[in-house]
Amino acid sequence: MTRKIYIMRHGETLFNTQKRVQGWCDSPLTENGIAQAQVAGAYFNEEGVTFDKVYSSTQERATDTAKIVSGIEQVQQLKGLKEMNFGSFEAQPEHLLPKFRPGAKSFEDLLVSYGGEDIIQVGKRVKDCVEEVLEMADGETLLMVSHGAAMWGLMLELGITFPEGLYFTNCSICEFEVTDKQLNLVKLIDPLAEKIYDF
């Protein structure tokens, strides 16, 4: 049996508009973020996708997005889907963050000395969480709402390479097929820009 799992980023938040670092700290969806989640929900409706189970990180922005997108109030929160911990940079202006090392596509371990997480740890955490859900959940179609860096860490852990310049905008959706417990990325969907990238 081939199962489908959709892992997506939350809608726009207050901190997103203020260009503030938002990892383990939280801020609510903006009116625009709510509208973005509604657009993502409309995409799934148009594609005839209904969810057997819906999950989100324990953070408000992800849980609220999951409820809006799915139309389901009973969303199971999972700590494993939380955003990357940015340590002492939490809630600070984004321009204060350390710069990537030459050739790097993530913060790698640069935040560890500031009390944050290594992106490799984040990717393993998210992957472990997804695999635990797949072991326990009996539904064929699952939705998980997470965060940009957490999803990027998962891609690194799975060895998935993105084309240059492609990243997770608000409400970006990764469509995976699961066969023999193997996660296979099929599409990256940007419902706001109405673009689909096949993998």
N, C-alpha and C. Protein backbone atom coordinates (compact mmCIF):
# COMPACT_ATOMS: atom_id res chain seq x y z
N MET A 1 0.84 -1.20 0.00
CA MET A 1 0.00 0.00 0.00
C MET A 1 0.88 1.25 0.00
N THR A 2 0.60 2.15 -0.91
CA THR A 2 1.30 3.43 -0.95
C THR A 2 0.49 4.46 -0.18
N ARG A 3 1.12 5.06 0.81
CA ARG A 3 0.47 6.09 1.60
C ARG A 3 0.97 7.47 1.17
N LYS A 4 0.17 8.48 1.46
CA LYS A 4 0.55 9.85 1.14
C LYS A 4 0.71 10.62 2.45
N ILE A 5 1.76 11.42 2.50
CA ILE A 5 1.93 12.32 3.64
C ILE A 5 2.29 13.69 3.10
N TYR A 6 1.60 14.69 3.58
CA TYR A 6 1.84 16.08 3.18
C TYR A 6 2.44 16.81 4.37
N ILE A 7 3.64 17.34 4.18
CA ILE A 7 4.30 18.11 5.23
C ILE A 7 4.42 19.54 4.74
N MET A 8 3.85 20.48 5.48
CA MET A 8 3.81 21.85 4.99
C MET A 8 4.22 22.86 6.05
N ARG A 9 4.59 24.02 5.58
CA ARG A 9 4.96 25.14 6.46
C ARG A 9 3.70 25.94 6.81
N HIS A 10 3.73 26.55 7.96
CA HIS A 10 2.62 27.39 8.42
C HIS A 10 2.46 28.66 7.58
N GLY A 11 1.37 29.36 7.80
CA GLY A 11 1.12 30.64 7.12
C GLY A 11 1.92 31.77 7.76
N GLU A 12 1.84 32.92 7.13
CA GLU A 12 2.57 34.11 7.60
C GLU A 12 2.19 34.47 9.03
N THR A 13 3.21 34.88 9.81
CA THR A 13 2.98 35.27 11.21
C THR A 13 3.39 36.71 11.44
N LEU A 14 3.07 37.19 12.63
CA LEU A 14 3.45 38.55 13.03
C LEU A 14 4.96 38.73 12.96
N PHE A 15 5.72 37.76 13.49
CA PHE A 15 7.19 37.87 13.46
C PHE A 15 7.73 37.81 12.04
N ASN A 16 7.07 37.06 11.15
CA ASN A 16 7.49 37.04 9.75
C ASN A 16 7.44 38.46 9.17
N THR A 17 6.38 39.19 9.47
CA THR A 17 6.24 40.54 8.92
C THR A 17 7.22 41.51 9.55
N GLN A 18 7.64 41.23 10.78
CA GLN A 18 8.59 42.09 11.48
C GLN A 18 10.04 41.67 11.23
N LYS A 19 10.22 40.60 10.43
CA LYS A 19 11.56 40.06 10.15
C LYS A 19 12.32 39.75 11.44
N ARG A 20 11.60 39.05 12.33
CA ARG A 20 12.19 38.62 13.59
C ARG A 20 12.37 37.10 13.57
N VAL A 21 13.41 36.64 14.23
CA VAL A 21 13.71 35.21 14.29
C VAL A 21 12.61 34.50 15.08
N GLN A 22 12.10 33.41 14.50
CA GLN A 22 10.99 32.70 15.10
C GLN A 22 11.26 31.21 15.02
N GLY A 23 11.85 30.70 16.07
CA GLY A 23 12.13 29.28 16.14
C GLY A 23 11.22 28.64 17.17
N TRP A 24 11.76 28.44 18.37
CA TRP A 24 10.93 27.88 19.44
C TRP A 24 9.99 28.92 20.02
N CYS A 25 10.30 30.21 19.86
CA CYS A 25 9.34 31.23 20.27
C CYS A 25 8.21 31.25 19.24
N ASP A 26 7.12 31.92 19.56
CA ASP A 26 5.93 31.83 18.71
C ASP A 26 5.32 33.21 18.52
N SER A 27 4.57 33.35 17.44
CA SER A 27 3.72 34.52 17.24
C SER A 27 2.53 34.08 16.40
N PRO A 28 1.42 34.80 16.50
CA PRO A 28 0.21 34.35 15.82
C PRO A 28 0.23 34.57 14.31
N LEU A 29 -0.64 33.85 13.62
CA LEU A 29 -0.84 34.10 12.19
C LEU A 29 -1.40 35.50 12.00
N THR A 30 -0.96 36.16 10.94
CA THR A 30 -1.57 37.43 10.55
C THR A 30 -2.86 37.14 9.78
N GLU A 31 -3.61 38.19 9.48
CA GLU A 31 -4.79 38.01 8.63
C GLU A 31 -4.38 37.43 7.28
N ASN A 32 -3.23 37.88 6.78
CA ASN A 32 -2.71 37.34 5.52
C ASN A 32 -2.34 35.87 5.67
N GLY A 33 -1.76 35.51 6.83
CA GLY A 33 -1.41 34.12 7.08
C GLY A 33 -2.62 33.22 7.13
N ILE A 34 -3.70 33.72 7.70
CA ILE A 34 -4.97 32.96 7.72
C ILE A 34 -5.48 32.77 6.30
N ALA A 35 -5.41 33.84 5.50
CA ALA A 35 -5.85 33.74 4.11
C ALA A 35 -4.97 32.76 3.32
N GLN A 36 -3.67 32.76 3.60
CA GLN A 36 -2.76 31.82 2.93
C GLN A 36 -3.15 30.37 3.24
N ALA A 37 -3.44 30.12 4.52
CA ALA A 37 -3.85 28.77 4.92
C ALA A 37 -5.15 28.36 4.22
N GLN A 38 -6.04 29.32 4.04
CA GLN A 38 -7.30 29.04 3.34
C GLN A 38 -7.03 28.69 1.87
N VAL A 39 -6.06 29.37 1.26
CA VAL A 39 -5.69 29.05 -0.13
C VAL A 39 -5.12 27.63 -0.21
N ALA A 40 -4.28 27.27 0.76
CA ALA A 40 -3.72 25.91 0.80
C ALA A 40 -4.84 24.88 0.98
N GLY A 41 -5.80 25.20 1.84
CA GLY A 41 -6.94 24.31 2.03
C GLY A 41 -7.74 24.14 0.76
N ALA A 42 -7.92 25.24 0.02
CA ALA A 42 -8.65 25.19 -1.26
C ALA A 42 -7.91 24.31 -2.26
N TYR A 43 -6.57 24.37 -2.25
CA TYR A 43 -5.79 23.51 -3.15
C TYR A 43 -6.12 22.03 -2.89
N PHE A 44 -6.08 21.64 -1.62
CA PHE A 44 -6.37 20.25 -1.29
C PHE A 44 -7.80 19.87 -1.69
N ASN A 45 -8.73 20.77 -1.46
CA ASN A 45 -10.12 20.50 -1.85
C ASN A 45 -10.25 20.30 -3.35
N GLU A 46 -9.58 21.15 -4.13
CA GLU A 46 -9.64 21.05 -5.59
C GLU A 46 -9.01 19.75 -6.09
N GLU A 47 -8.01 19.27 -5.35
CA GLU A 47 -7.33 18.02 -5.73
C GLU A 47 -8.05 16.79 -5.18
N GLY A 48 -9.12 17.01 -4.42
CA GLY A 48 -9.86 15.89 -3.85
C GLY A 48 -9.13 15.18 -2.73
N VAL A 49 -8.21 15.89 -2.05
CA VAL A 49 -7.42 15.29 -0.97
C VAL A 49 -8.14 15.51 0.36
N THR A 50 -8.43 14.42 1.05
CA THR A 50 -8.96 14.50 2.42
C THR A 50 -8.00 13.77 3.33
N PHE A 51 -7.93 14.21 4.57
CA PHE A 51 -6.93 13.70 5.50
C PHE A 51 -7.55 12.75 6.52
N ASP A 52 -6.88 11.62 6.70
CA ASP A 52 -7.31 10.67 7.73
C ASP A 52 -6.86 11.13 9.12
N LYS A 53 -5.68 11.74 9.18
CA LYS A 53 -5.16 12.26 10.45
C LYS A 53 -4.43 13.56 10.16
N VAL A 54 -4.49 14.49 11.13
CA VAL A 54 -3.83 15.79 10.99
C VAL A 54 -2.95 16.04 12.20
N TYR A 55 -1.71 16.45 11.93
CA TYR A 55 -0.73 16.69 12.98
C TYR A 55 -0.12 18.08 12.79
N SER A 56 0.40 18.62 13.87
CA SER A 56 1.14 19.88 13.77
C SER A 56 2.21 19.89 14.84
N SER A 57 3.12 20.84 14.73
CA SER A 57 4.04 21.07 15.83
C SER A 57 3.23 21.61 17.01
N THR A 58 3.88 21.76 18.14
CA THR A 58 3.18 22.25 19.34
C THR A 58 3.04 23.76 19.33
N GLN A 59 3.46 24.40 18.25
CA GLN A 59 3.43 25.86 18.20
C GLN A 59 2.15 26.38 17.54
N GLU A 60 1.66 27.46 18.10
CA GLU A 60 0.36 28.01 17.70
C GLU A 60 0.25 28.25 16.20
N ARG A 61 1.28 28.78 15.61
CA ARG A 61 1.21 29.13 14.19
C ARG A 61 1.01 27.90 13.32
N ALA A 62 1.59 26.78 13.72
CA ALA A 62 1.43 25.54 12.96
C ALA A 62 0.08 24.89 13.22
N THR A 63 -0.33 24.88 14.49
CA THR A 63 -1.61 24.26 14.85
C THR A 63 -2.77 25.00 14.20
N ASP A 64 -2.73 26.32 14.25
CA ASP A 64 -3.81 27.11 13.63
C ASP A 64 -3.85 26.89 12.12
N THR A 65 -2.67 26.83 11.49
CA THR A 65 -2.63 26.56 10.05
C THR A 65 -3.24 25.20 9.74
N ALA A 66 -2.89 24.19 10.54
CA ALA A 66 -3.40 22.84 10.31
C ALA A 66 -4.93 22.80 10.40
N LYS A 67 -5.48 23.50 11.36
CA LYS A 67 -6.95 23.53 11.53
C LYS A 67 -7.63 24.19 10.35
N ILE A 68 -7.05 25.30 9.88
CA ILE A 68 -7.65 26.03 8.76
C ILE A 68 -7.57 25.20 7.47
N VAL A 69 -6.38 24.64 7.22
CA VAL A 69 -6.16 23.89 5.99
C VAL A 69 -7.06 22.66 5.91
N SER A 70 -7.16 21.94 7.02
CA SER A 70 -7.88 20.66 7.02
C SER A 70 -9.37 20.79 7.33
N GLY A 71 -9.75 21.89 8.01
CA GLY A 71 -11.13 22.01 8.48
C GLY A 71 -11.42 21.10 9.66
N ILE A 72 -10.35 20.56 10.26
CA ILE A 72 -10.48 19.64 11.40
C ILE A 72 -9.97 20.32 12.66
N GLU A 73 -10.77 20.32 13.70
CA GLU A 73 -10.37 20.96 14.95
C GLU A 73 -9.46 20.07 15.79
N GLN A 74 -9.60 18.76 15.66
CA GLN A 74 -8.81 17.83 16.47
C GLN A 74 -7.47 17.56 15.80
N VAL A 75 -6.52 18.43 16.04
CA VAL A 75 -5.18 18.31 15.49
C VAL A 75 -4.26 17.79 16.59
N GLN A 76 -3.51 16.75 16.30
CA GLN A 76 -2.58 16.21 17.29
C GLN A 76 -1.25 16.94 17.21
N GLN A 77 -0.84 17.53 18.32
CA GLN A 77 0.41 18.28 18.37
C GLN A 77 1.58 17.35 18.71
N LEU A 78 2.69 17.55 18.00
CA LEU A 78 3.88 16.72 18.19
C LEU A 78 5.11 17.60 18.36
N LYS A 79 5.84 17.40 19.45
CA LYS A 79 7.05 18.20 19.70
C LYS A 79 8.11 17.99 18.63
N GLY A 80 8.13 16.79 18.05
CA GLY A 80 9.14 16.48 17.04
C GLY A 80 9.05 17.34 15.79
N LEU A 81 7.88 17.97 15.56
CA LEU A 81 7.69 18.81 14.37
C LEU A 81 8.01 20.28 14.64
N LYS A 82 8.47 20.59 15.87
CA LYS A 82 8.78 21.98 16.21
C LYS A 82 9.86 22.56 15.31
N GLU A 83 9.87 23.89 15.27
CA GLU A 83 10.88 24.59 14.50
C GLU A 83 12.25 24.43 15.15
N MET A 84 13.28 24.74 14.40
CA MET A 84 14.64 24.75 14.91
C MET A 84 14.76 25.75 16.05
N ASN A 85 15.54 25.41 17.06
CA ASN A 85 15.82 26.32 18.17
C ASN A 85 16.97 27.24 17.76
N PHE A 86 16.71 28.55 17.76
CA PHE A 86 17.73 29.52 17.36
C PHE A 86 18.48 30.10 18.55
N GLY A 87 18.28 29.52 19.74
CA GLY A 87 19.03 29.94 20.91
C GLY A 87 18.81 31.40 21.28
N SER A 88 19.89 32.12 21.55
CA SER A 88 19.77 33.51 22.01
C SER A 88 19.32 34.46 20.91
N PHE A 89 19.20 33.96 19.68
CA PHE A 89 18.69 34.81 18.59
C PHE A 89 17.16 34.81 18.51
N GLU A 90 16.51 33.98 19.32
CA GLU A 90 15.04 33.93 19.31
C GLU A 90 14.45 35.32 19.52
N ALA A 91 13.48 35.66 18.67
CA ALA A 91 12.72 36.92 18.72
C ALA A 91 13.57 38.15 18.38
N GLN A 92 14.82 37.94 18.00
CA GLN A 92 15.69 39.05 17.63
C GLN A 92 15.54 39.36 16.13
N PRO A 93 15.96 40.54 15.69
CA PRO A 93 15.91 40.85 14.25
C PRO A 93 16.74 39.84 13.45
N GLU A 94 16.21 39.43 12.32
CA GLU A 94 16.87 38.40 11.51
C GLU A 94 18.29 38.78 11.08
N HIS A 95 18.54 40.08 10.91
CA HIS A 95 19.86 40.49 10.40
C HIS A 95 20.98 40.23 11.41
N LEU A 96 20.63 39.92 12.65
CA LEU A 96 21.64 39.61 13.66
C LEU A 96 22.14 38.17 13.57
N LEU A 97 21.42 37.31 12.86
CA LEU A 97 21.82 35.91 12.74
C LEU A 97 23.20 35.78 12.09
N PRO A 98 23.96 34.75 12.49
CA PRO A 98 25.26 34.54 11.84
C PRO A 98 25.07 34.22 10.36
N LYS A 99 26.03 34.58 9.55
CA LYS A 99 25.97 34.31 8.11
C LYS A 99 26.38 32.85 7.84
N PHE A 100 25.78 32.26 6.83
CA PHE A 100 26.14 30.91 6.43
C PHE A 100 27.64 30.86 6.09
N ARG A 101 28.24 29.72 6.32
CA ARG A 101 29.60 29.50 5.87
C ARG A 101 29.61 29.45 4.33
N PRO A 102 30.74 29.77 3.70
CA PRO A 102 30.79 29.72 2.23
C PRO A 102 30.36 28.34 1.71
N GLY A 103 29.40 28.35 0.78
CA GLY A 103 28.92 27.11 0.17
C GLY A 103 27.84 26.39 0.96
N ALA A 104 27.55 26.84 2.18
CA ALA A 104 26.53 26.17 3.01
C ALA A 104 25.14 26.61 2.59
N LYS A 105 24.16 25.71 2.83
CA LYS A 105 22.76 26.02 2.52
C LYS A 105 21.91 26.01 3.78
N SER A 106 22.57 26.05 4.94
CA SER A 106 21.87 26.11 6.22
C SER A 106 22.82 26.70 7.26
N PHE A 107 22.31 26.88 8.48
CA PHE A 107 23.17 27.36 9.55
C PHE A 107 24.10 26.27 10.07
N GLU A 108 23.90 25.05 9.59
CA GLU A 108 24.70 23.91 10.04
C GLU A 108 24.72 23.89 11.58
N ASP A 109 25.91 23.99 12.20
CA ASP A 109 26.00 23.96 13.66
C ASP A 109 26.32 25.34 14.26
N LEU A 110 26.16 26.40 13.47
CA LEU A 110 26.56 27.74 13.90
C LEU A 110 25.79 28.25 15.12
N LEU A 111 24.57 27.73 15.35
CA LEU A 111 23.75 28.24 16.44
C LEU A 111 23.97 27.50 17.75
N VAL A 112 24.69 26.40 17.71
CA VAL A 112 24.87 25.57 18.90
C VAL A 112 25.54 26.35 20.04
N SER A 113 26.56 27.13 19.71
CA SER A 113 27.27 27.90 20.75
C SER A 113 26.42 29.02 21.33
N TYR A 114 25.28 29.29 20.70
CA TYR A 114 24.34 30.31 21.21
C TYR A 114 23.13 29.66 21.88
N GLY A 115 23.23 28.36 22.16
CA GLY A 115 22.12 27.67 22.82
C GLY A 115 21.09 27.11 21.86
N GLY A 116 21.38 27.13 20.57
CA GLY A 116 20.44 26.64 19.56
C GLY A 116 20.75 25.22 19.12
N GLU A 117 20.07 24.80 18.06
CA GLU A 117 20.21 23.43 17.54
C GLU A 117 21.07 23.40 16.28
N ASP A 118 21.69 22.26 16.06
CA ASP A 118 22.38 21.94 14.81
C ASP A 118 21.31 21.47 13.82
N ILE A 119 21.38 21.92 12.56
CA ILE A 119 20.38 21.54 11.57
C ILE A 119 20.32 20.02 11.38
N ILE A 120 21.42 19.33 11.59
CA ILE A 120 21.43 17.87 11.47
C ILE A 120 20.57 17.25 12.57
N GLN A 121 20.68 17.78 13.80
CA GLN A 121 19.83 17.32 14.90
C GLN A 121 18.36 17.56 14.59
N VAL A 122 18.08 18.72 14.02
CA VAL A 122 16.69 19.08 13.68
C VAL A 122 16.14 18.09 12.66
N GLY A 123 16.92 17.82 11.60
CA GLY A 123 16.47 16.89 10.57
C GLY A 123 16.20 15.51 11.11
N LYS A 124 17.06 15.02 11.99
CA LYS A 124 16.86 13.71 12.59
C LYS A 124 15.63 13.70 13.49
N ARG A 125 15.45 14.78 14.24
CA ARG A 125 14.27 14.89 15.12
C ARG A 125 12.98 14.81 14.32
N VAL A 126 12.91 15.58 13.24
CA VAL A 126 11.70 15.60 12.42
C VAL A 126 11.48 14.24 11.74
N LYS A 127 12.55 13.67 11.20
CA LYS A 127 12.42 12.37 10.53
C LYS A 127 11.96 11.30 11.53
N ASP A 128 12.53 11.28 12.71
CA ASP A 128 12.12 10.31 13.74
C ASP A 128 10.64 10.47 14.07
N CYS A 129 10.20 11.72 14.17
CA CYS A 129 8.80 12.00 14.49
C CYS A 129 7.88 11.49 13.38
N VAL A 130 8.23 11.78 12.13
CA VAL A 130 7.42 11.32 10.99
C VAL A 130 7.35 9.80 10.97
N GLU A 131 8.49 9.15 11.19
CA GLU A 131 8.52 7.69 11.16
C GLU A 131 7.69 7.08 12.29
N GLU A 132 7.71 7.72 13.46
CA GLU A 132 6.89 7.24 14.58
C GLU A 132 5.40 7.34 14.25
N VAL A 133 5.02 8.45 13.62
CA VAL A 133 3.62 8.62 13.21
C VAL A 133 3.23 7.54 12.21
N LEU A 134 4.09 7.29 11.24
CA LEU A 134 3.79 6.28 10.22
C LEU A 134 3.65 4.89 10.82
N GLU A 135 4.38 4.64 11.89
CA GLU A 135 4.28 3.35 12.58
C GLU A 135 2.93 3.21 13.28
N MET A 136 2.47 4.32 13.88
CA MET A 136 1.26 4.28 14.73
C MET A 136 -0.03 4.54 13.97
N ALA A 137 0.02 5.50 13.03
CA ALA A 137 -1.20 5.93 12.34
C ALA A 137 -1.63 4.91 11.30
N ASP A 138 -2.94 4.68 11.21
CA ASP A 138 -3.44 3.71 10.25
C ASP A 138 -4.05 4.38 9.01
N GLY A 139 -4.06 5.69 8.96
CA GLY A 139 -4.64 6.38 7.81
C GLY A 139 -3.74 6.34 6.59
N GLU A 140 -4.34 6.46 5.42
CA GLU A 140 -3.58 6.44 4.17
C GLU A 140 -3.09 7.82 3.76
N THR A 141 -3.77 8.88 4.23
CA THR A 141 -3.41 10.25 3.85
C THR A 141 -3.28 11.10 5.10
N LEU A 142 -2.08 11.62 5.33
CA LEU A 142 -1.79 12.36 6.55
C LEU A 142 -1.30 13.77 6.22
N LEU A 143 -1.64 14.71 7.09
CA LEU A 143 -1.14 16.08 6.97
C LEU A 143 -0.33 16.41 8.21
N MET A 144 0.85 17.01 8.00
CA MET A 144 1.67 17.50 9.10
C MET A 144 2.05 18.94 8.80
N VAL A 145 1.80 19.84 9.75
CA VAL A 145 2.18 21.23 9.57
C VAL A 145 3.37 21.53 10.48
N SER A 146 4.45 21.98 9.86
CA SER A 146 5.69 22.22 10.58
C SER A 146 6.22 23.61 10.22
N HIS A 147 7.54 23.70 10.03
CA HIS A 147 8.21 25.00 9.90
C HIS A 147 9.32 24.93 8.87
N GLY A 148 9.75 26.09 8.39
CA GLY A 148 10.71 26.16 7.31
C GLY A 148 12.04 25.46 7.58
N ALA A 149 12.73 25.83 8.66
CA ALA A 149 14.03 25.22 8.95
C ALA A 149 13.88 23.76 9.32
N ALA A 150 12.81 23.42 10.03
CA ALA A 150 12.56 22.01 10.39
C ALA A 150 12.39 21.17 9.13
N MET A 151 11.65 21.69 8.16
CA MET A 151 11.45 20.97 6.90
C MET A 151 12.75 20.89 6.11
N TRP A 152 13.55 21.96 6.15
CA TRP A 152 14.83 21.95 5.45
C TRP A 152 15.76 20.91 6.06
N GLY A 153 15.75 20.83 7.39
CA GLY A 153 16.55 19.81 8.06
C GLY A 153 16.14 18.41 7.64
N LEU A 154 14.83 18.20 7.48
CA LEU A 154 14.33 16.91 7.02
C LEU A 154 14.84 16.59 5.62
N MET A 155 14.83 17.59 4.73
CA MET A 155 15.34 17.37 3.37
C MET A 155 16.81 16.96 3.40
N LEU A 156 17.59 17.63 4.25
CA LEU A 156 19.01 17.29 4.37
C LEU A 156 19.18 15.86 4.90
N GLU A 157 18.37 15.50 5.89
CA GLU A 157 18.44 14.16 6.47
C GLU A 157 18.07 13.09 5.45
N LEU A 158 17.12 13.40 4.57
CA LEU A 158 16.68 12.45 3.55
C LEU A 158 17.56 12.48 2.30
N GLY A 159 18.51 13.42 2.25
CA GLY A 159 19.38 13.51 1.09
C GLY A 159 18.71 14.07 -0.14
N ILE A 160 17.69 14.90 0.07
CA ILE A 160 16.95 15.50 -1.05
C ILE A 160 17.57 16.85 -1.41
N THR A 161 17.92 17.02 -2.66
CA THR A 161 18.54 18.26 -3.14
C THR A 161 17.52 19.11 -3.86
N PHE A 162 17.47 20.39 -3.50
CA PHE A 162 16.57 21.33 -4.15
C PHE A 162 17.33 22.15 -5.19
N PRO A 163 16.66 22.56 -6.27
CA PRO A 163 17.30 23.46 -7.22
C PRO A 163 17.68 24.77 -6.55
N GLU A 164 18.71 25.41 -7.05
CA GLU A 164 19.18 26.67 -6.49
C GLU A 164 18.04 27.70 -6.45
N GLY A 165 17.89 28.37 -5.31
CA GLY A 165 16.88 29.41 -5.17
C GLY A 165 15.51 28.93 -4.74
N LEU A 166 15.33 27.61 -4.64
CA LEU A 166 14.03 27.06 -4.22
C LEU A 166 14.07 26.80 -2.72
N TYR A 167 13.09 27.33 -2.01
CA TYR A 167 13.03 27.14 -0.56
C TYR A 167 11.57 27.15 -0.12
N PHE A 168 11.35 27.01 1.18
CA PHE A 168 9.99 26.89 1.69
C PHE A 168 9.40 28.25 2.03
N THR A 169 8.50 28.73 1.18
CA THR A 169 7.74 29.93 1.48
C THR A 169 6.58 29.54 2.40
N ASN A 170 5.86 30.52 2.91
CA ASN A 170 4.71 30.21 3.76
C ASN A 170 3.73 29.31 3.03
N CYS A 171 3.27 28.28 3.71
CA CYS A 171 2.30 27.30 3.21
C CYS A 171 2.82 26.43 2.06
N SER A 172 4.15 26.37 1.88
CA SER A 172 4.70 25.40 0.94
C SER A 172 4.39 23.99 1.42
N ILE A 173 4.11 23.11 0.47
CA ILE A 173 3.67 21.74 0.78
C ILE A 173 4.60 20.73 0.11
N CYS A 174 5.14 19.81 0.90
CA CYS A 174 5.89 18.68 0.36
C CYS A 174 4.97 17.47 0.31
N GLU A 175 4.77 16.93 -0.87
CA GLU A 175 3.95 15.73 -1.03
C GLU A 175 4.87 14.51 -1.11
N PHE A 176 4.72 13.61 -0.13
CA PHE A 176 5.52 12.39 -0.09
C PHE A 176 4.65 11.17 -0.35
N GLU A 177 5.22 10.21 -1.05
CA GLU A 177 4.64 8.87 -1.10
C GLU A 177 5.48 7.98 -0.19
N VAL A 178 4.81 7.12 0.56
CA VAL A 178 5.49 6.25 1.50
C VAL A 178 5.30 4.80 1.06
N THR A 179 6.39 4.17 0.69
CA THR A 179 6.34 2.75 0.33
C THR A 179 7.42 2.02 1.10
N ASP A 180 7.02 0.94 1.75
CA ASP A 180 7.96 0.16 2.58
C ASP A 180 8.70 1.06 3.57
N LYS A 181 7.93 1.98 4.18
CA LYS A 181 8.45 2.90 5.21
C LYS A 181 9.45 3.91 4.66
N GLN A 182 9.59 3.97 3.34
CA GLN A 182 10.52 4.90 2.70
C GLN A 182 9.77 6.17 2.28
N LEU A 183 10.30 7.34 2.69
CA LEU A 183 9.70 8.62 2.31
C LEU A 183 10.26 9.06 0.97
N ASN A 184 9.39 9.23 -0.02
CA ASN A 184 9.80 9.65 -1.35
C ASN A 184 9.11 10.95 -1.71
N LEU A 185 9.90 12.03 -1.86
CA LEU A 185 9.32 13.31 -2.23
C LEU A 185 8.86 13.27 -3.68
N VAL A 186 7.58 13.56 -3.89
CA VAL A 186 7.00 13.53 -5.23
C VAL A 186 6.88 14.94 -5.81
N LYS A 187 6.40 15.87 -4.95
CA LYS A 187 6.17 17.24 -5.42
C LYS A 187 6.44 18.23 -4.30
N LEU A 188 6.87 19.43 -4.69
CA LEU A 188 6.85 20.60 -3.82
C LEU A 188 5.79 21.53 -4.40
N ILE A 189 4.80 21.85 -3.60
CA ILE A 189 3.65 22.63 -4.06
C ILE A 189 3.66 23.99 -3.38
N ASP A 190 3.58 25.05 -4.18
CA ASP A 190 3.43 26.40 -3.66
C ASP A 190 2.04 26.88 -4.05
N PRO A 191 1.04 26.66 -3.18
CA PRO A 191 -0.33 27.00 -3.56
C PRO A 191 -0.56 28.50 -3.71
N LEU A 192 0.27 29.32 -3.08
CA LEU A 192 0.09 30.77 -3.16
C LEU A 192 0.54 31.30 -4.51
N ALA A 193 1.66 30.75 -5.02
CA ALA A 193 2.16 31.15 -6.35
C ALA A 193 1.58 30.28 -7.46
N GLU A 194 0.80 29.26 -7.07
CA GLU A 194 0.22 28.29 -8.00
C GLU A 194 1.30 27.62 -8.84
N LYS A 195 2.35 27.16 -8.15
CA LYS A 195 3.44 26.45 -8.81
C LYS A 195 3.63 25.08 -8.19
N ILE A 196 3.98 24.11 -9.03
CA ILE A 196 4.25 22.75 -8.57
C ILE A 196 5.58 22.30 -9.18
N TYR A 197 6.46 21.81 -8.32
CA TYR A 197 7.77 21.32 -8.76
C TYR A 197 7.80 19.81 -8.55
N ASP A 198 8.05 19.08 -9.62
CA ASP A 198 8.11 17.62 -9.55
C ASP A 198 9.51 17.15 -9.19
N PHE A 199 9.58 16.06 -8.44
CA PHE A 199 10.87 15.48 -8.03
C PHE A 199 10.96 14.04 -8.51
